PDB file of all heavy atoms in Angstrom:
ATOM      1  N   LEU A   1       1.626 -13.674  -6.321  1.00  0.00           N
ATOM      2  CA  LEU A   1       2.350 -12.809  -5.355  1.00  0.00           C
ATOM      3  C   LEU A   1       1.481 -12.210  -4.221  1.00  0.00           C
ATOM      4  O   LEU A   1       2.022 -11.736  -3.252  1.00  0.00           O
ATOM      5  CB  LEU A   1       3.133 -11.716  -5.993  1.00  0.00           C
ATOM      6  CG  LEU A   1       4.231 -12.182  -6.963  1.00  0.00           C
ATOM      7  CD1 LEU A   1       4.839 -10.989  -7.710  1.00  0.00           C
ATOM      8  CD2 LEU A   1       5.349 -12.919  -6.241  1.00  0.00           C
ATOM      9  N   SER A   2       0.164 -12.156  -4.410  1.00  0.00           N
ATOM     10  CA  SER A   2      -0.668 -11.332  -3.464  1.00  0.00           C
ATOM     11  C   SER A   2      -0.491 -11.826  -2.015  1.00  0.00           C
ATOM     12  O   SER A   2      -0.309 -11.027  -1.127  1.00  0.00           O
ATOM     13  CB  SER A   2      -2.136 -11.427  -3.858  1.00  0.00           C
ATOM     14  OG  SER A   2      -2.608 -12.691  -3.931  1.00  0.00           O
ATOM     15  N   ASP A   3      -0.424 -13.169  -1.814  1.00  0.00           N
ATOM     16  CA  ASP A   3      -0.248 -13.649  -0.434  1.00  0.00           C
ATOM     17  C   ASP A   3       1.183 -13.428   0.073  1.00  0.00           C
ATOM     18  O   ASP A   3       1.404 -13.055   1.245  1.00  0.00           O
ATOM     19  CB  ASP A   3      -0.613 -15.109  -0.369  1.00  0.00           C
ATOM     20  CG  ASP A   3      -2.075 -15.363  -0.467  1.00  0.00           C
ATOM     21  OD1 ASP A   3      -2.893 -14.374  -0.213  1.00  0.00           O
ATOM     22  OD2 ASP A   3      -2.473 -16.482  -0.844  1.00  0.00           O
ATOM     23  N   LYS A   4       2.171 -13.551  -0.798  1.00  0.00           N
ATOM     24  CA  LYS A   4       3.561 -13.419  -0.460  1.00  0.00           C
ATOM     25  C   LYS A   4       3.945 -11.961  -0.082  1.00  0.00           C
ATOM     26  O   LYS A   4       4.852 -11.793   0.676  1.00  0.00           O
ATOM     27  CB  LYS A   4       4.489 -13.891  -1.596  1.00  0.00           C
ATOM     28  CG  LYS A   4       4.358 -15.336  -1.986  1.00  0.00           C
ATOM     29  CD  LYS A   4       5.276 -15.672  -3.109  1.00  0.00           C
ATOM     30  CE  LYS A   4       5.177 -17.091  -3.539  1.00  0.00           C
ATOM     31  NZ  LYS A   4       6.055 -17.433  -4.668  1.00  0.00           N
ATOM     32  N   LEU A   5       3.197 -11.004  -0.642  1.00  0.00           N
ATOM     33  CA  LEU A   5       3.583  -9.618  -0.472  1.00  0.00           C
ATOM     34  C   LEU A   5       2.854  -8.934   0.668  1.00  0.00           C
ATOM     35  O   LEU A   5       3.150  -7.750   0.955  1.00  0.00           O
ATOM     36  CB  LEU A   5       3.333  -8.836  -1.749  1.00  0.00           C
ATOM     37  CG  LEU A   5       4.190  -9.256  -2.961  1.00  0.00           C
ATOM     38  CD1 LEU A   5       3.931  -8.301  -4.152  1.00  0.00           C
ATOM     39  CD2 LEU A   5       5.643  -9.298  -2.597  1.00  0.00           C
ATOM     40  N   LYS A   6       1.936  -9.565   1.308  1.00  0.00           N
ATOM     41  CA  LYS A   6       1.173  -8.899   2.408  1.00  0.00           C
ATOM     42  C   LYS A   6       2.107  -8.466   3.524  1.00  0.00           C
ATOM     43  O   LYS A   6       1.983  -7.348   4.063  1.00  0.00           O
ATOM     44  CB  LYS A   6       0.111  -9.844   2.944  1.00  0.00           C
ATOM     45  CG  LYS A   6      -1.085  -9.956   1.949  1.00  0.00           C
ATOM     46  CD  LYS A   6      -2.112 -10.929   2.495  1.00  0.00           C
ATOM     47  CE  LYS A   6      -3.291 -11.016   1.473  1.00  0.00           C
ATOM     48  NZ  LYS A   6      -4.259 -11.965   1.882  1.00  0.00           N
ATOM     49  N   GLU A   7       3.069  -9.279   3.886  1.00  0.00           N
ATOM     50  CA  GLU A   7       4.030  -8.884   4.908  1.00  0.00           C
ATOM     51  C   GLU A   7       4.961  -7.769   4.423  1.00  0.00           C
ATOM     52  O   GLU A   7       5.249  -6.805   5.133  1.00  0.00           O
ATOM     53  CB  GLU A   7       4.878 -10.114   5.328  1.00  0.00           C
ATOM     54  CG  GLU A   7       5.912  -9.790   6.385  1.00  0.00           C
ATOM     55  CD  GLU A   7       6.719 -10.989   6.773  1.00  0.00           C
ATOM     56  OE1 GLU A   7       6.376 -12.109   6.368  1.00  0.00           O
ATOM     57  OE2 GLU A   7       7.836 -10.831   7.403  1.00  0.00           O
ATOM     58  N   LEU A   8       5.352  -7.881   3.186  1.00  0.00           N
ATOM     59  CA  LEU A   8       6.207  -6.795   2.600  1.00  0.00           C
ATOM     60  C   LEU A   8       5.419  -5.450   2.530  1.00  0.00           C
ATOM     61  O   LEU A   8       5.982  -4.398   2.774  1.00  0.00           O
ATOM     62  CB  LEU A   8       6.616  -7.110   1.211  1.00  0.00           C
ATOM     63  CG  LEU A   8       7.892  -7.899   1.021  1.00  0.00           C
ATOM     64  CD1 LEU A   8       8.192  -8.076  -0.507  1.00  0.00           C
ATOM     65  CD2 LEU A   8       9.055  -7.239   1.658  1.00  0.00           C
ATOM     66  N   GLY A   9       4.148  -5.544   2.256  1.00  0.00           N
ATOM     67  CA  GLY A   9       3.316  -4.337   2.209  1.00  0.00           C
ATOM     68  C   GLY A   9       3.302  -3.564   3.496  1.00  0.00           C
ATOM     69  O   GLY A   9       3.389  -2.330   3.531  1.00  0.00           O
ATOM     70  N   ALA A  10       3.227  -4.287   4.613  1.00  0.00           N
ATOM     71  CA  ALA A  10       3.199  -3.658   5.924  1.00  0.00           C
ATOM     72  C   ALA A  10       4.550  -2.906   6.134  1.00  0.00           C
ATOM     73  O   ALA A  10       4.626  -1.816   6.726  1.00  0.00           O
ATOM     74  CB  ALA A  10       2.963  -4.680   7.016  1.00  0.00           C
ATOM     75  N   GLU A  11       5.667  -3.551   5.733  1.00  0.00           N
ATOM     76  CA  GLU A  11       6.951  -2.936   5.885  1.00  0.00           C
ATOM     77  C   GLU A  11       7.061  -1.679   5.066  1.00  0.00           C
ATOM     78  O   GLU A  11       7.629  -0.647   5.485  1.00  0.00           O
ATOM     79  CB  GLU A  11       8.063  -3.888   5.471  1.00  0.00           C
ATOM     80  CG  GLU A  11       9.467  -3.375   5.618  1.00  0.00           C
ATOM     81  CD  GLU A  11      10.500  -4.327   5.161  1.00  0.00           C
ATOM     82  OE1 GLU A  11      10.250  -5.554   5.183  1.00  0.00           O
ATOM     83  OE2 GLU A  11      11.598  -3.867   4.737  1.00  0.00           O
ATOM     84  N   GLY A  12       6.594  -1.732   3.805  1.00  0.00           N
ATOM     85  CA  GLY A  12       6.657  -0.601   2.931  1.00  0.00           C
ATOM     86  C   GLY A  12       5.889   0.532   3.398  1.00  0.00           C
ATOM     87  O   GLY A  12       6.251   1.735   3.217  1.00  0.00           O
ATOM     88  N   ASP A  13       4.705   0.336   4.053  1.00  0.00           N
ATOM     89  CA  ASP A  13       3.865   1.403   4.516  1.00  0.00           C
ATOM     90  C   ASP A  13       4.637   2.221   5.622  1.00  0.00           C
ATOM     91  O   ASP A  13       4.368   3.389   5.767  1.00  0.00           O
ATOM     92  CB  ASP A  13       2.591   0.869   5.077  1.00  0.00           C
ATOM     93  CG  ASP A  13       1.654   0.431   3.980  1.00  0.00           C
ATOM     94  OD1 ASP A  13       1.957   0.774   2.821  1.00  0.00           O
ATOM     95  OD2 ASP A  13       0.661  -0.257   4.247  1.00  0.00           O
ATOM     96  N   VAL A  14       5.540   1.545   6.349  1.00  0.00           N
ATOM     97  CA  VAL A  14       6.315   2.276   7.354  1.00  0.00           C
ATOM     98  C   VAL A  14       7.232   3.281   6.732  1.00  0.00           C
ATOM     99  O   VAL A  14       7.382   4.403   7.173  1.00  0.00           O
ATOM    100  CB  VAL A  14       7.138   1.281   8.231  1.00  0.00           C
ATOM    101  CG1 VAL A  14       8.066   2.009   9.125  1.00  0.00           C
ATOM    102  CG2 VAL A  14       6.146   0.407   9.054  1.00  0.00           C
ATOM    103  N   ASP A  15       7.799   2.880   5.547  1.00  0.00           N
ATOM    104  CA  ASP A  15       8.810   3.725   4.878  1.00  0.00           C
ATOM    105  C   ASP A  15       8.070   4.813   4.106  1.00  0.00           C
ATOM    106  O   ASP A  15       8.629   5.953   4.004  1.00  0.00           O
ATOM    107  CB  ASP A  15       9.611   2.907   3.869  1.00  0.00           C
ATOM    108  CG  ASP A  15      10.492   1.938   4.534  1.00  0.00           C
ATOM    109  OD1 ASP A  15      10.830   2.155   5.753  1.00  0.00           O
ATOM    110  OD2 ASP A  15      10.904   0.972   3.945  1.00  0.00           O
ATOM    111  N   ALA A  16       6.916   4.616   3.620  1.00  0.00           N
ATOM    112  CA  ALA A  16       6.197   5.638   2.744  1.00  0.00           C
ATOM    113  C   ALA A  16       4.730   5.521   2.946  1.00  0.00           C
ATOM    114  O   ALA A  16       4.055   4.786   2.269  1.00  0.00           O
ATOM    115  CB  ALA A  16       6.570   5.396   1.281  1.00  0.00           C
ATOM    116  N   PRO A  17       4.172   6.259   3.904  1.00  0.00           N
ATOM    117  CA  PRO A  17       2.740   6.207   4.120  1.00  0.00           C
ATOM    118  C   PRO A  17       1.982   6.459   2.838  1.00  0.00           C
ATOM    119  O   PRO A  17       2.288   7.382   2.042  1.00  0.00           O
ATOM    120  CB  PRO A  17       2.491   7.332   5.157  1.00  0.00           C
ATOM    121  CG  PRO A  17       3.794   7.536   5.809  1.00  0.00           C
ATOM    122  CD  PRO A  17       4.858   7.221   4.777  1.00  0.00           C
ATOM    123  N   ARG A  18       1.007   5.707   2.605  1.00  0.00           N
ATOM    124  CA  ARG A  18       0.302   5.683   1.302  1.00  0.00           C
ATOM    125  C   ARG A  18      -0.913   6.658   1.311  1.00  0.00           C
ATOM    126  O   ARG A  18      -1.638   6.690   2.281  1.00  0.00           O
ATOM    127  CB  ARG A  18      -0.231   4.318   0.932  1.00  0.00           C
ATOM    128  CG  ARG A  18      -1.023   3.675   2.054  1.00  0.00           C
ATOM    129  CD  ARG A  18      -1.605   2.311   1.647  1.00  0.00           C
ATOM    130  NE  ARG A  18      -2.896   2.472   0.978  1.00  0.00           N
ATOM    131  CZ  ARG A  18      -3.715   1.472   0.818  1.00  0.00           C
ATOM    132  NH1 ARG A  18      -3.421   0.279   1.233  1.00  0.00           N
ATOM    133  NH2 ARG A  18      -4.843   1.668   0.263  1.00  0.00           N
ATOM    134  N   PRO A  19      -1.104   7.390   0.234  1.00  0.00           N
ATOM    135  CA  PRO A  19      -2.373   8.065   0.094  1.00  0.00           C
ATOM    136  C   PRO A  19      -3.422   7.018  -0.168  1.00  0.00           C
ATOM    137  O   PRO A  19      -3.177   6.071  -0.866  1.00  0.00           O
ATOM    138  CB  PRO A  19      -2.143   8.963  -1.098  1.00  0.00           C
ATOM    139  CG  PRO A  19      -1.058   8.290  -1.862  1.00  0.00           C
ATOM    140  CD  PRO A  19      -0.203   7.610  -0.887  1.00  0.00           C
ATOM    141  N   SER A  20      -4.679   7.247   0.240  1.00  0.00           N
ATOM    142  CA  SER A  20      -5.722   6.297   0.046  1.00  0.00           C
ATOM    143  C   SER A  20      -7.022   6.936  -0.280  1.00  0.00           C
ATOM    144  O   SER A  20      -7.215   8.130  -0.096  1.00  0.00           O
ATOM    145  CB  SER A  20      -5.848   5.403   1.305  1.00  0.00           C
ATOM    146  OG  SER A  20      -6.190   6.197   2.456  1.00  0.00           O
ATOM    147  N   GLY A  21      -7.959   6.144  -0.728  1.00  0.00           N
ATOM    148  CA  GLY A  21      -9.296   6.627  -1.081  1.00  0.00           C
ATOM    149  C   GLY A  21      -9.548   6.539  -2.531  1.00  0.00           C
ATOM    150  O   GLY A  21      -8.635   6.532  -3.389  1.00  0.00           O
ATOM    151  N   ALA A  22     -10.802   6.395  -2.901  1.00  0.00           N
ATOM    152  CA  ALA A  22     -11.213   6.257  -4.282  1.00  0.00           C
ATOM    153  C   ALA A  22     -10.824   7.494  -5.128  1.00  0.00           C
ATOM    154  O   ALA A  22     -10.392   7.383  -6.236  1.00  0.00           O
ATOM    155  CB  ALA A  22     -12.711   6.026  -4.428  1.00  0.00           C
ATOM    156  N   ASN A  23     -10.985   8.656  -4.484  1.00  0.00           N
ATOM    157  CA  ASN A  23     -10.595   9.908  -5.205  1.00  0.00           C
ATOM    158  C   ASN A  23      -9.065   9.984  -5.517  1.00  0.00           C
ATOM    159  O   ASN A  23      -8.720  10.474  -6.600  1.00  0.00           O
ATOM    160  CB  ASN A  23     -11.025  11.170  -4.442  1.00  0.00           C
ATOM    161  CG  ASN A  23     -10.379  11.238  -3.018  1.00  0.00           C
ATOM    162  OD1 ASN A  23     -10.075  10.173  -2.465  1.00  0.00           O
ATOM    163  ND2 ASN A  23     -10.233  12.424  -2.497  1.00  0.00           N
ATOM    164  N   VAL A  24      -8.311   9.432  -4.591  1.00  0.00           N
ATOM    165  CA  VAL A  24      -6.820   9.456  -4.826  1.00  0.00           C
ATOM    166  C   VAL A  24      -6.525   8.458  -5.962  1.00  0.00           C
ATOM    167  O   VAL A  24      -5.704   8.842  -6.879  1.00  0.00           O
ATOM    168  CB  VAL A  24      -6.114   9.006  -3.497  1.00  0.00           C
ATOM    169  CG1 VAL A  24      -4.661   8.760  -3.819  1.00  0.00           C
ATOM    170  CG2 VAL A  24      -6.295  10.049  -2.469  1.00  0.00           C
ATOM    171  N   ASP A  25      -7.031   7.319  -5.935  1.00  0.00           N
ATOM    172  CA  ASP A  25      -6.768   6.337  -7.017  1.00  0.00           C
ATOM    173  C   ASP A  25      -7.303   6.839  -8.347  1.00  0.00           C
ATOM    174  O   ASP A  25      -6.578   6.661  -9.375  1.00  0.00           O
ATOM    175  CB  ASP A  25      -7.457   4.970  -6.702  1.00  0.00           C
ATOM    176  CG  ASP A  25      -6.755   4.263  -5.541  1.00  0.00           C
ATOM    177  OD1 ASP A  25      -5.574   4.524  -5.299  1.00  0.00           O
ATOM    178  OD2 ASP A  25      -7.421   3.385  -4.925  1.00  0.00           O
ATOM    179  N   ASP A  26      -8.406   7.475  -8.366  1.00  0.00           N
ATOM    180  CA  ASP A  26      -8.959   8.041  -9.636  1.00  0.00           C
ATOM    181  C   ASP A  26      -8.055   9.136 -10.171  1.00  0.00           C
ATOM    182  O   ASP A  26      -7.839   9.216 -11.411  1.00  0.00           O
ATOM    183  CB  ASP A  26     -10.380   8.625  -9.395  1.00  0.00           C
ATOM    184  CG  ASP A  26     -11.405   7.517  -9.208  1.00  0.00           C
ATOM    185  OD1 ASP A  26     -11.112   6.386  -9.513  1.00  0.00           O
ATOM    186  OD2 ASP A  26     -12.536   7.829  -8.721  1.00  0.00           O
ATOM    187  N   ALA A  27      -7.517   9.945  -9.242  1.00  0.00           N
ATOM    188  CA  ALA A  27      -6.597  11.017  -9.688  1.00  0.00           C
ATOM    189  C   ALA A  27      -5.302  10.461 -10.253  1.00  0.00           C
ATOM    190  O   ALA A  27      -4.900  10.927 -11.325  1.00  0.00           O
ATOM    191  CB  ALA A  27      -6.315  11.924  -8.518  1.00  0.00           C
TER     192      ALA A  27
END
């Protein structure tokens, strides 16, 4: 699915801006 979902990922980011960064993922 990784290639199939790249376009979907862009759409989802519009709906819900993602927190990012190693500290966020670790938390």
